[in-house]
N, C-alpha and C. Protein backbone atom coordinates (compact mmCIF):
# COMPACT_ATOMS: atom_id res chain seq x y z
N MET A 1 101.25 126.50 14.82
CA MET A 1 101.92 126.27 16.08
C MET A 1 101.15 125.20 16.86
N ASP A 2 101.88 124.24 17.41
CA ASP A 2 101.25 123.18 18.19
C ASP A 2 100.71 123.73 19.51
N GLN A 3 99.78 122.98 20.09
CA GLN A 3 99.16 123.39 21.35
C GLN A 3 99.42 122.35 22.42
N LEU A 4 99.88 122.82 23.59
CA LEU A 4 99.97 121.93 24.75
C LEU A 4 98.56 121.66 25.24
N HIS A 5 98.23 120.41 25.44
CA HIS A 5 96.90 120.04 25.91
C HIS A 5 96.88 119.90 27.42
N HIS A 6 97.85 119.16 27.97
CA HIS A 6 97.91 118.99 29.42
C HIS A 6 99.31 118.58 29.86
N ILE A 7 99.51 118.71 31.15
CA ILE A 7 100.69 118.19 31.83
C ILE A 7 100.18 117.13 32.79
N ALA A 8 100.84 116.00 32.88
CA ALA A 8 100.42 114.91 33.78
C ALA A 8 101.45 114.71 34.87
N ILE A 9 100.95 114.69 36.11
CA ILE A 9 101.83 114.46 37.25
C ILE A 9 101.33 113.26 38.04
N PRO A 10 102.24 112.48 38.61
CA PRO A 10 101.83 111.31 39.38
C PRO A 10 101.36 111.68 40.79
N VAL A 11 100.28 111.04 41.21
CA VAL A 11 99.76 111.15 42.58
C VAL A 11 99.37 109.74 43.02
N THR A 12 99.33 109.51 44.32
CA THR A 12 99.00 108.17 44.80
C THR A 12 97.52 107.97 45.09
N ASP A 13 96.75 109.07 45.15
CA ASP A 13 95.31 108.98 45.44
C ASP A 13 94.60 110.03 44.59
N ILE A 14 93.91 109.58 43.55
CA ILE A 14 93.27 110.49 42.60
C ILE A 14 92.23 111.37 43.29
N ALA A 15 91.32 110.77 44.04
CA ALA A 15 90.24 111.53 44.68
C ALA A 15 90.80 112.58 45.64
N ALA A 16 91.78 112.20 46.44
CA ALA A 16 92.38 113.15 47.38
C ALA A 16 93.10 114.28 46.64
N ALA A 17 93.77 113.95 45.55
CA ALA A 17 94.47 114.97 44.78
C ALA A 17 93.49 115.93 44.12
N VAL A 18 92.40 115.40 43.57
CA VAL A 18 91.38 116.28 42.97
C VAL A 18 90.84 117.24 44.03
N GLU A 19 90.52 116.71 45.19
CA GLU A 19 90.00 117.56 46.26
C GLU A 19 91.02 118.62 46.66
N TRP A 20 92.28 118.24 46.77
CA TRP A 20 93.33 119.19 47.15
C TRP A 20 93.41 120.34 46.15
N TYR A 21 93.44 120.01 44.86
CA TYR A 21 93.54 121.06 43.84
C TYR A 21 92.27 121.90 43.79
N GLN A 22 91.10 121.28 43.94
CA GLN A 22 89.85 122.03 43.88
C GLN A 22 89.70 123.01 45.04
N THR A 23 90.22 122.68 46.21
CA THR A 23 90.08 123.57 47.36
C THR A 23 91.09 124.71 47.35
N ARG A 24 92.12 124.60 46.53
CA ARG A 24 93.16 125.62 46.51
C ARG A 24 93.19 126.47 45.25
N PHE A 25 92.60 125.97 44.18
CA PHE A 25 92.67 126.67 42.89
C PHE A 25 91.30 126.67 42.22
N ASP A 26 91.10 127.61 41.32
CA ASP A 26 89.86 127.70 40.56
C ASP A 26 89.99 126.80 39.33
N VAL A 27 89.57 125.55 39.47
CA VAL A 27 89.69 124.56 38.41
C VAL A 27 88.34 123.86 38.21
N ALA A 28 88.18 123.28 37.04
CA ALA A 28 87.00 122.46 36.75
C ALA A 28 87.46 121.04 36.49
N THR A 29 86.71 120.07 36.98
CA THR A 29 87.04 118.67 36.73
C THR A 29 86.40 118.25 35.42
N ALA A 30 87.22 117.98 34.42
CA ALA A 30 86.73 117.56 33.11
C ALA A 30 86.49 116.05 33.07
N TYR A 31 87.27 115.29 33.85
CA TYR A 31 87.15 113.84 33.88
C TYR A 31 87.76 113.33 35.18
N GLN A 32 87.15 112.29 35.75
CA GLN A 32 87.74 111.67 36.94
C GLN A 32 87.26 110.23 37.06
N ASP A 33 88.19 109.33 37.31
CA ASP A 33 87.86 107.96 37.71
C ASP A 33 88.91 107.54 38.74
N ASP A 34 89.01 106.26 39.02
CA ASP A 34 89.95 105.81 40.05
C ASP A 34 91.41 105.84 39.63
N SER A 35 91.68 105.92 38.30
CA SER A 35 93.07 105.85 37.86
C SER A 35 93.63 107.17 37.33
N TRP A 36 92.75 108.14 37.03
CA TRP A 36 93.26 109.44 36.59
C TRP A 36 92.15 110.47 36.58
N ALA A 37 92.56 111.73 36.58
CA ALA A 37 91.60 112.85 36.51
C ALA A 37 92.21 113.94 35.65
N LEU A 38 91.34 114.75 35.05
CA LEU A 38 91.78 115.87 34.24
C LEU A 38 91.13 117.13 34.79
N LEU A 39 91.98 118.04 35.27
CA LEU A 39 91.51 119.31 35.81
C LEU A 39 91.79 120.41 34.80
N LYS A 40 90.81 121.25 34.54
CA LYS A 40 90.96 122.34 33.57
C LYS A 40 91.29 123.64 34.29
N PHE A 41 92.40 124.23 33.91
CA PHE A 41 92.73 125.59 34.28
C PHE A 41 92.35 126.46 33.09
N ASP A 42 92.46 127.76 33.19
CA ASP A 42 92.08 128.64 32.10
C ASP A 42 92.92 128.41 30.85
N ASN A 43 94.21 128.14 31.02
CA ASN A 43 95.10 128.07 29.87
C ASN A 43 95.66 126.69 29.57
N ILE A 44 95.44 125.71 30.43
CA ILE A 44 95.97 124.35 30.21
C ILE A 44 95.25 123.39 31.16
N ALA A 45 95.38 122.13 30.90
CA ALA A 45 94.80 121.12 31.79
C ALA A 45 95.92 120.42 32.56
N LEU A 46 95.54 119.90 33.73
CA LEU A 46 96.46 119.14 34.56
C LEU A 46 95.87 117.75 34.75
N ALA A 47 96.60 116.74 34.32
CA ALA A 47 96.17 115.35 34.52
C ALA A 47 96.84 114.83 35.79
N LEU A 48 96.04 114.21 36.63
CA LEU A 48 96.53 113.55 37.83
C LEU A 48 96.49 112.06 37.54
N VAL A 49 97.64 111.40 37.58
CA VAL A 49 97.73 110.01 37.15
C VAL A 49 98.37 109.15 38.24
N LEU A 50 97.98 107.88 38.26
CA LEU A 50 98.64 106.92 39.16
C LEU A 50 99.97 106.53 38.54
N PRO A 51 101.04 106.50 39.33
CA PRO A 51 102.37 106.23 38.79
C PRO A 51 102.50 104.90 38.05
N ASP A 52 101.76 103.87 38.47
CA ASP A 52 101.90 102.57 37.82
C ASP A 52 101.01 102.40 36.59
N GLN A 53 100.21 103.40 36.26
CA GLN A 53 99.31 103.28 35.11
C GLN A 53 99.61 104.27 33.98
N HIS A 54 100.17 105.41 34.31
CA HIS A 54 100.47 106.43 33.31
C HIS A 54 101.80 107.09 33.67
N PRO A 55 102.64 107.35 32.69
CA PRO A 55 103.90 108.03 33.01
C PRO A 55 103.65 109.53 33.20
N ALA A 56 104.52 110.18 33.98
CA ALA A 56 104.51 111.64 34.02
C ALA A 56 104.86 112.11 32.61
N HIS A 57 104.13 113.12 32.12
CA HIS A 57 104.34 113.54 30.73
C HIS A 57 103.68 114.89 30.48
N PHE A 58 103.91 115.40 29.28
CA PHE A 58 103.10 116.50 28.79
C PHE A 58 102.53 116.07 27.45
N ALA A 59 101.37 116.62 27.11
CA ALA A 59 100.67 116.20 25.90
C ALA A 59 100.56 117.35 24.92
N ILE A 60 100.80 117.03 23.67
CA ILE A 60 100.70 117.99 22.57
C ILE A 60 99.62 117.49 21.62
N GLU A 61 98.71 118.37 21.24
CA GLU A 61 97.68 118.02 20.25
C GLU A 61 98.24 118.20 18.85
N ARG A 62 98.02 117.18 18.01
CA ARG A 62 98.47 117.25 16.62
C ARG A 62 97.43 116.63 15.71
N LYS A 63 97.24 117.24 14.55
CA LYS A 63 96.34 116.69 13.55
C LYS A 63 96.90 115.40 12.95
N ASP A 64 98.23 115.27 12.95
CA ASP A 64 98.89 114.10 12.37
C ASP A 64 99.43 113.16 13.45
N ALA A 65 98.73 113.07 14.57
CA ALA A 65 99.22 112.27 15.71
C ALA A 65 99.57 110.84 15.29
N GLU A 66 98.81 110.27 14.38
CA GLU A 66 99.06 108.88 13.96
C GLU A 66 100.42 108.71 13.27
N SER A 67 101.01 109.81 12.81
CA SER A 67 102.32 109.70 12.17
C SER A 67 103.43 109.41 13.19
N TYR A 68 103.12 109.53 14.48
CA TYR A 68 104.08 109.24 15.55
C TYR A 68 103.98 107.80 16.03
N GLY A 69 102.99 107.07 15.56
CA GLY A 69 102.81 105.68 15.96
C GLY A 69 101.34 105.34 16.04
N THR A 70 101.05 104.12 16.43
CA THR A 70 99.67 103.65 16.53
C THR A 70 98.97 104.31 17.70
N LEU A 71 97.84 104.93 17.43
CA LEU A 71 97.09 105.62 18.47
C LEU A 71 96.31 104.63 19.32
N THR A 72 96.29 104.87 20.60
CA THR A 72 95.50 104.06 21.54
C THR A 72 94.29 104.87 21.97
N PRO A 73 93.08 104.32 21.80
CA PRO A 73 91.89 105.05 22.26
C PRO A 73 91.80 105.02 23.79
N HIS A 74 91.28 106.12 24.36
CA HIS A 74 91.15 106.24 25.81
C HIS A 74 89.67 106.33 26.21
N ARG A 75 89.40 106.10 27.49
CA ARG A 75 88.04 106.11 28.02
C ARG A 75 87.32 107.43 27.82
N ASP A 76 88.07 108.52 27.76
CA ASP A 76 87.44 109.83 27.63
C ASP A 76 87.18 110.22 26.18
N GLY A 77 87.41 109.29 25.24
CA GLY A 77 87.14 109.54 23.83
C GLY A 77 88.33 110.06 23.03
N THR A 78 89.45 110.33 23.70
CA THR A 78 90.63 110.78 23.00
C THR A 78 91.45 109.58 22.53
N ALA A 79 92.45 109.84 21.72
CA ALA A 79 93.37 108.79 21.26
C ALA A 79 94.76 109.41 21.19
N SER A 80 95.77 108.61 21.55
CA SER A 80 97.13 109.16 21.57
C SER A 80 98.17 108.07 21.47
N VAL A 81 99.41 108.51 21.36
CA VAL A 81 100.57 107.64 21.40
C VAL A 81 101.62 108.33 22.25
N TYR A 82 102.37 107.56 23.02
CA TYR A 82 103.45 108.11 23.84
C TYR A 82 104.77 107.94 23.10
N VAL A 83 105.60 108.99 23.12
CA VAL A 83 106.95 108.95 22.56
C VAL A 83 107.89 109.54 23.60
N GLU A 84 109.18 109.34 23.41
CA GLU A 84 110.19 109.93 24.28
C GLU A 84 111.10 110.83 23.47
N ASP A 85 111.52 111.93 24.09
CA ASP A 85 112.54 112.75 23.45
C ASP A 85 113.91 112.13 23.74
N PRO A 86 114.98 112.65 23.18
CA PRO A 86 116.30 112.05 23.40
C PRO A 86 116.74 112.02 24.86
N TRP A 87 116.08 112.79 25.74
CA TRP A 87 116.44 112.85 27.15
C TRP A 87 115.51 112.02 28.02
N ARG A 88 114.70 111.19 27.37
CA ARG A 88 113.78 110.25 28.00
C ARG A 88 112.58 110.89 28.68
N ASN A 89 112.26 112.14 28.29
CA ASN A 89 111.02 112.76 28.74
C ASN A 89 109.88 112.21 27.92
N VAL A 90 108.79 111.86 28.58
CA VAL A 90 107.65 111.27 27.88
C VAL A 90 106.73 112.38 27.35
N ILE A 91 106.36 112.24 26.09
CA ILE A 91 105.46 113.18 25.44
C ILE A 91 104.29 112.38 24.89
N GLU A 92 103.10 112.78 25.23
CA GLU A 92 101.90 112.16 24.67
C GLU A 92 101.48 112.98 23.46
N ILE A 93 101.40 112.31 22.31
CA ILE A 93 100.93 112.97 21.10
C ILE A 93 99.45 112.64 20.99
N LEU A 94 98.63 113.64 21.18
CA LEU A 94 97.17 113.49 21.27
C LEU A 94 96.53 113.90 19.95
N ALA A 95 95.67 113.05 19.42
CA ALA A 95 94.96 113.37 18.19
C ALA A 95 94.13 114.62 18.42
N SER A 96 94.26 115.58 17.53
CA SER A 96 93.54 116.84 17.64
C SER A 96 92.03 116.59 17.53
N SER A 97 91.27 117.31 18.32
CA SER A 97 89.80 117.16 18.29
C SER A 97 89.19 117.98 17.16
N GLU A 98 89.99 118.74 16.45
CA GLU A 98 89.50 119.58 15.34
C GLU A 98 89.41 118.79 14.06
């Protein structure tokens, strides 16, 4: 069974959004820079992304991620490819860390 890695939502200010979520929920910041952040909840991660740099999406970890297209390496050491379902929802296929 595949695993959801994270859900990404657009925000206009990464630092302000991280602070907002940290003051209201029990989360850990796994990564943060000026263009995106990854907050860890117990059961899933939430990516906060700038609308002009990353699409709103959800990410699925797969061992065969490269079969969906050419993987792009990211600053946090992960690699992925974005695809769309027939309804134009964006799905990030993330190379499994296993």
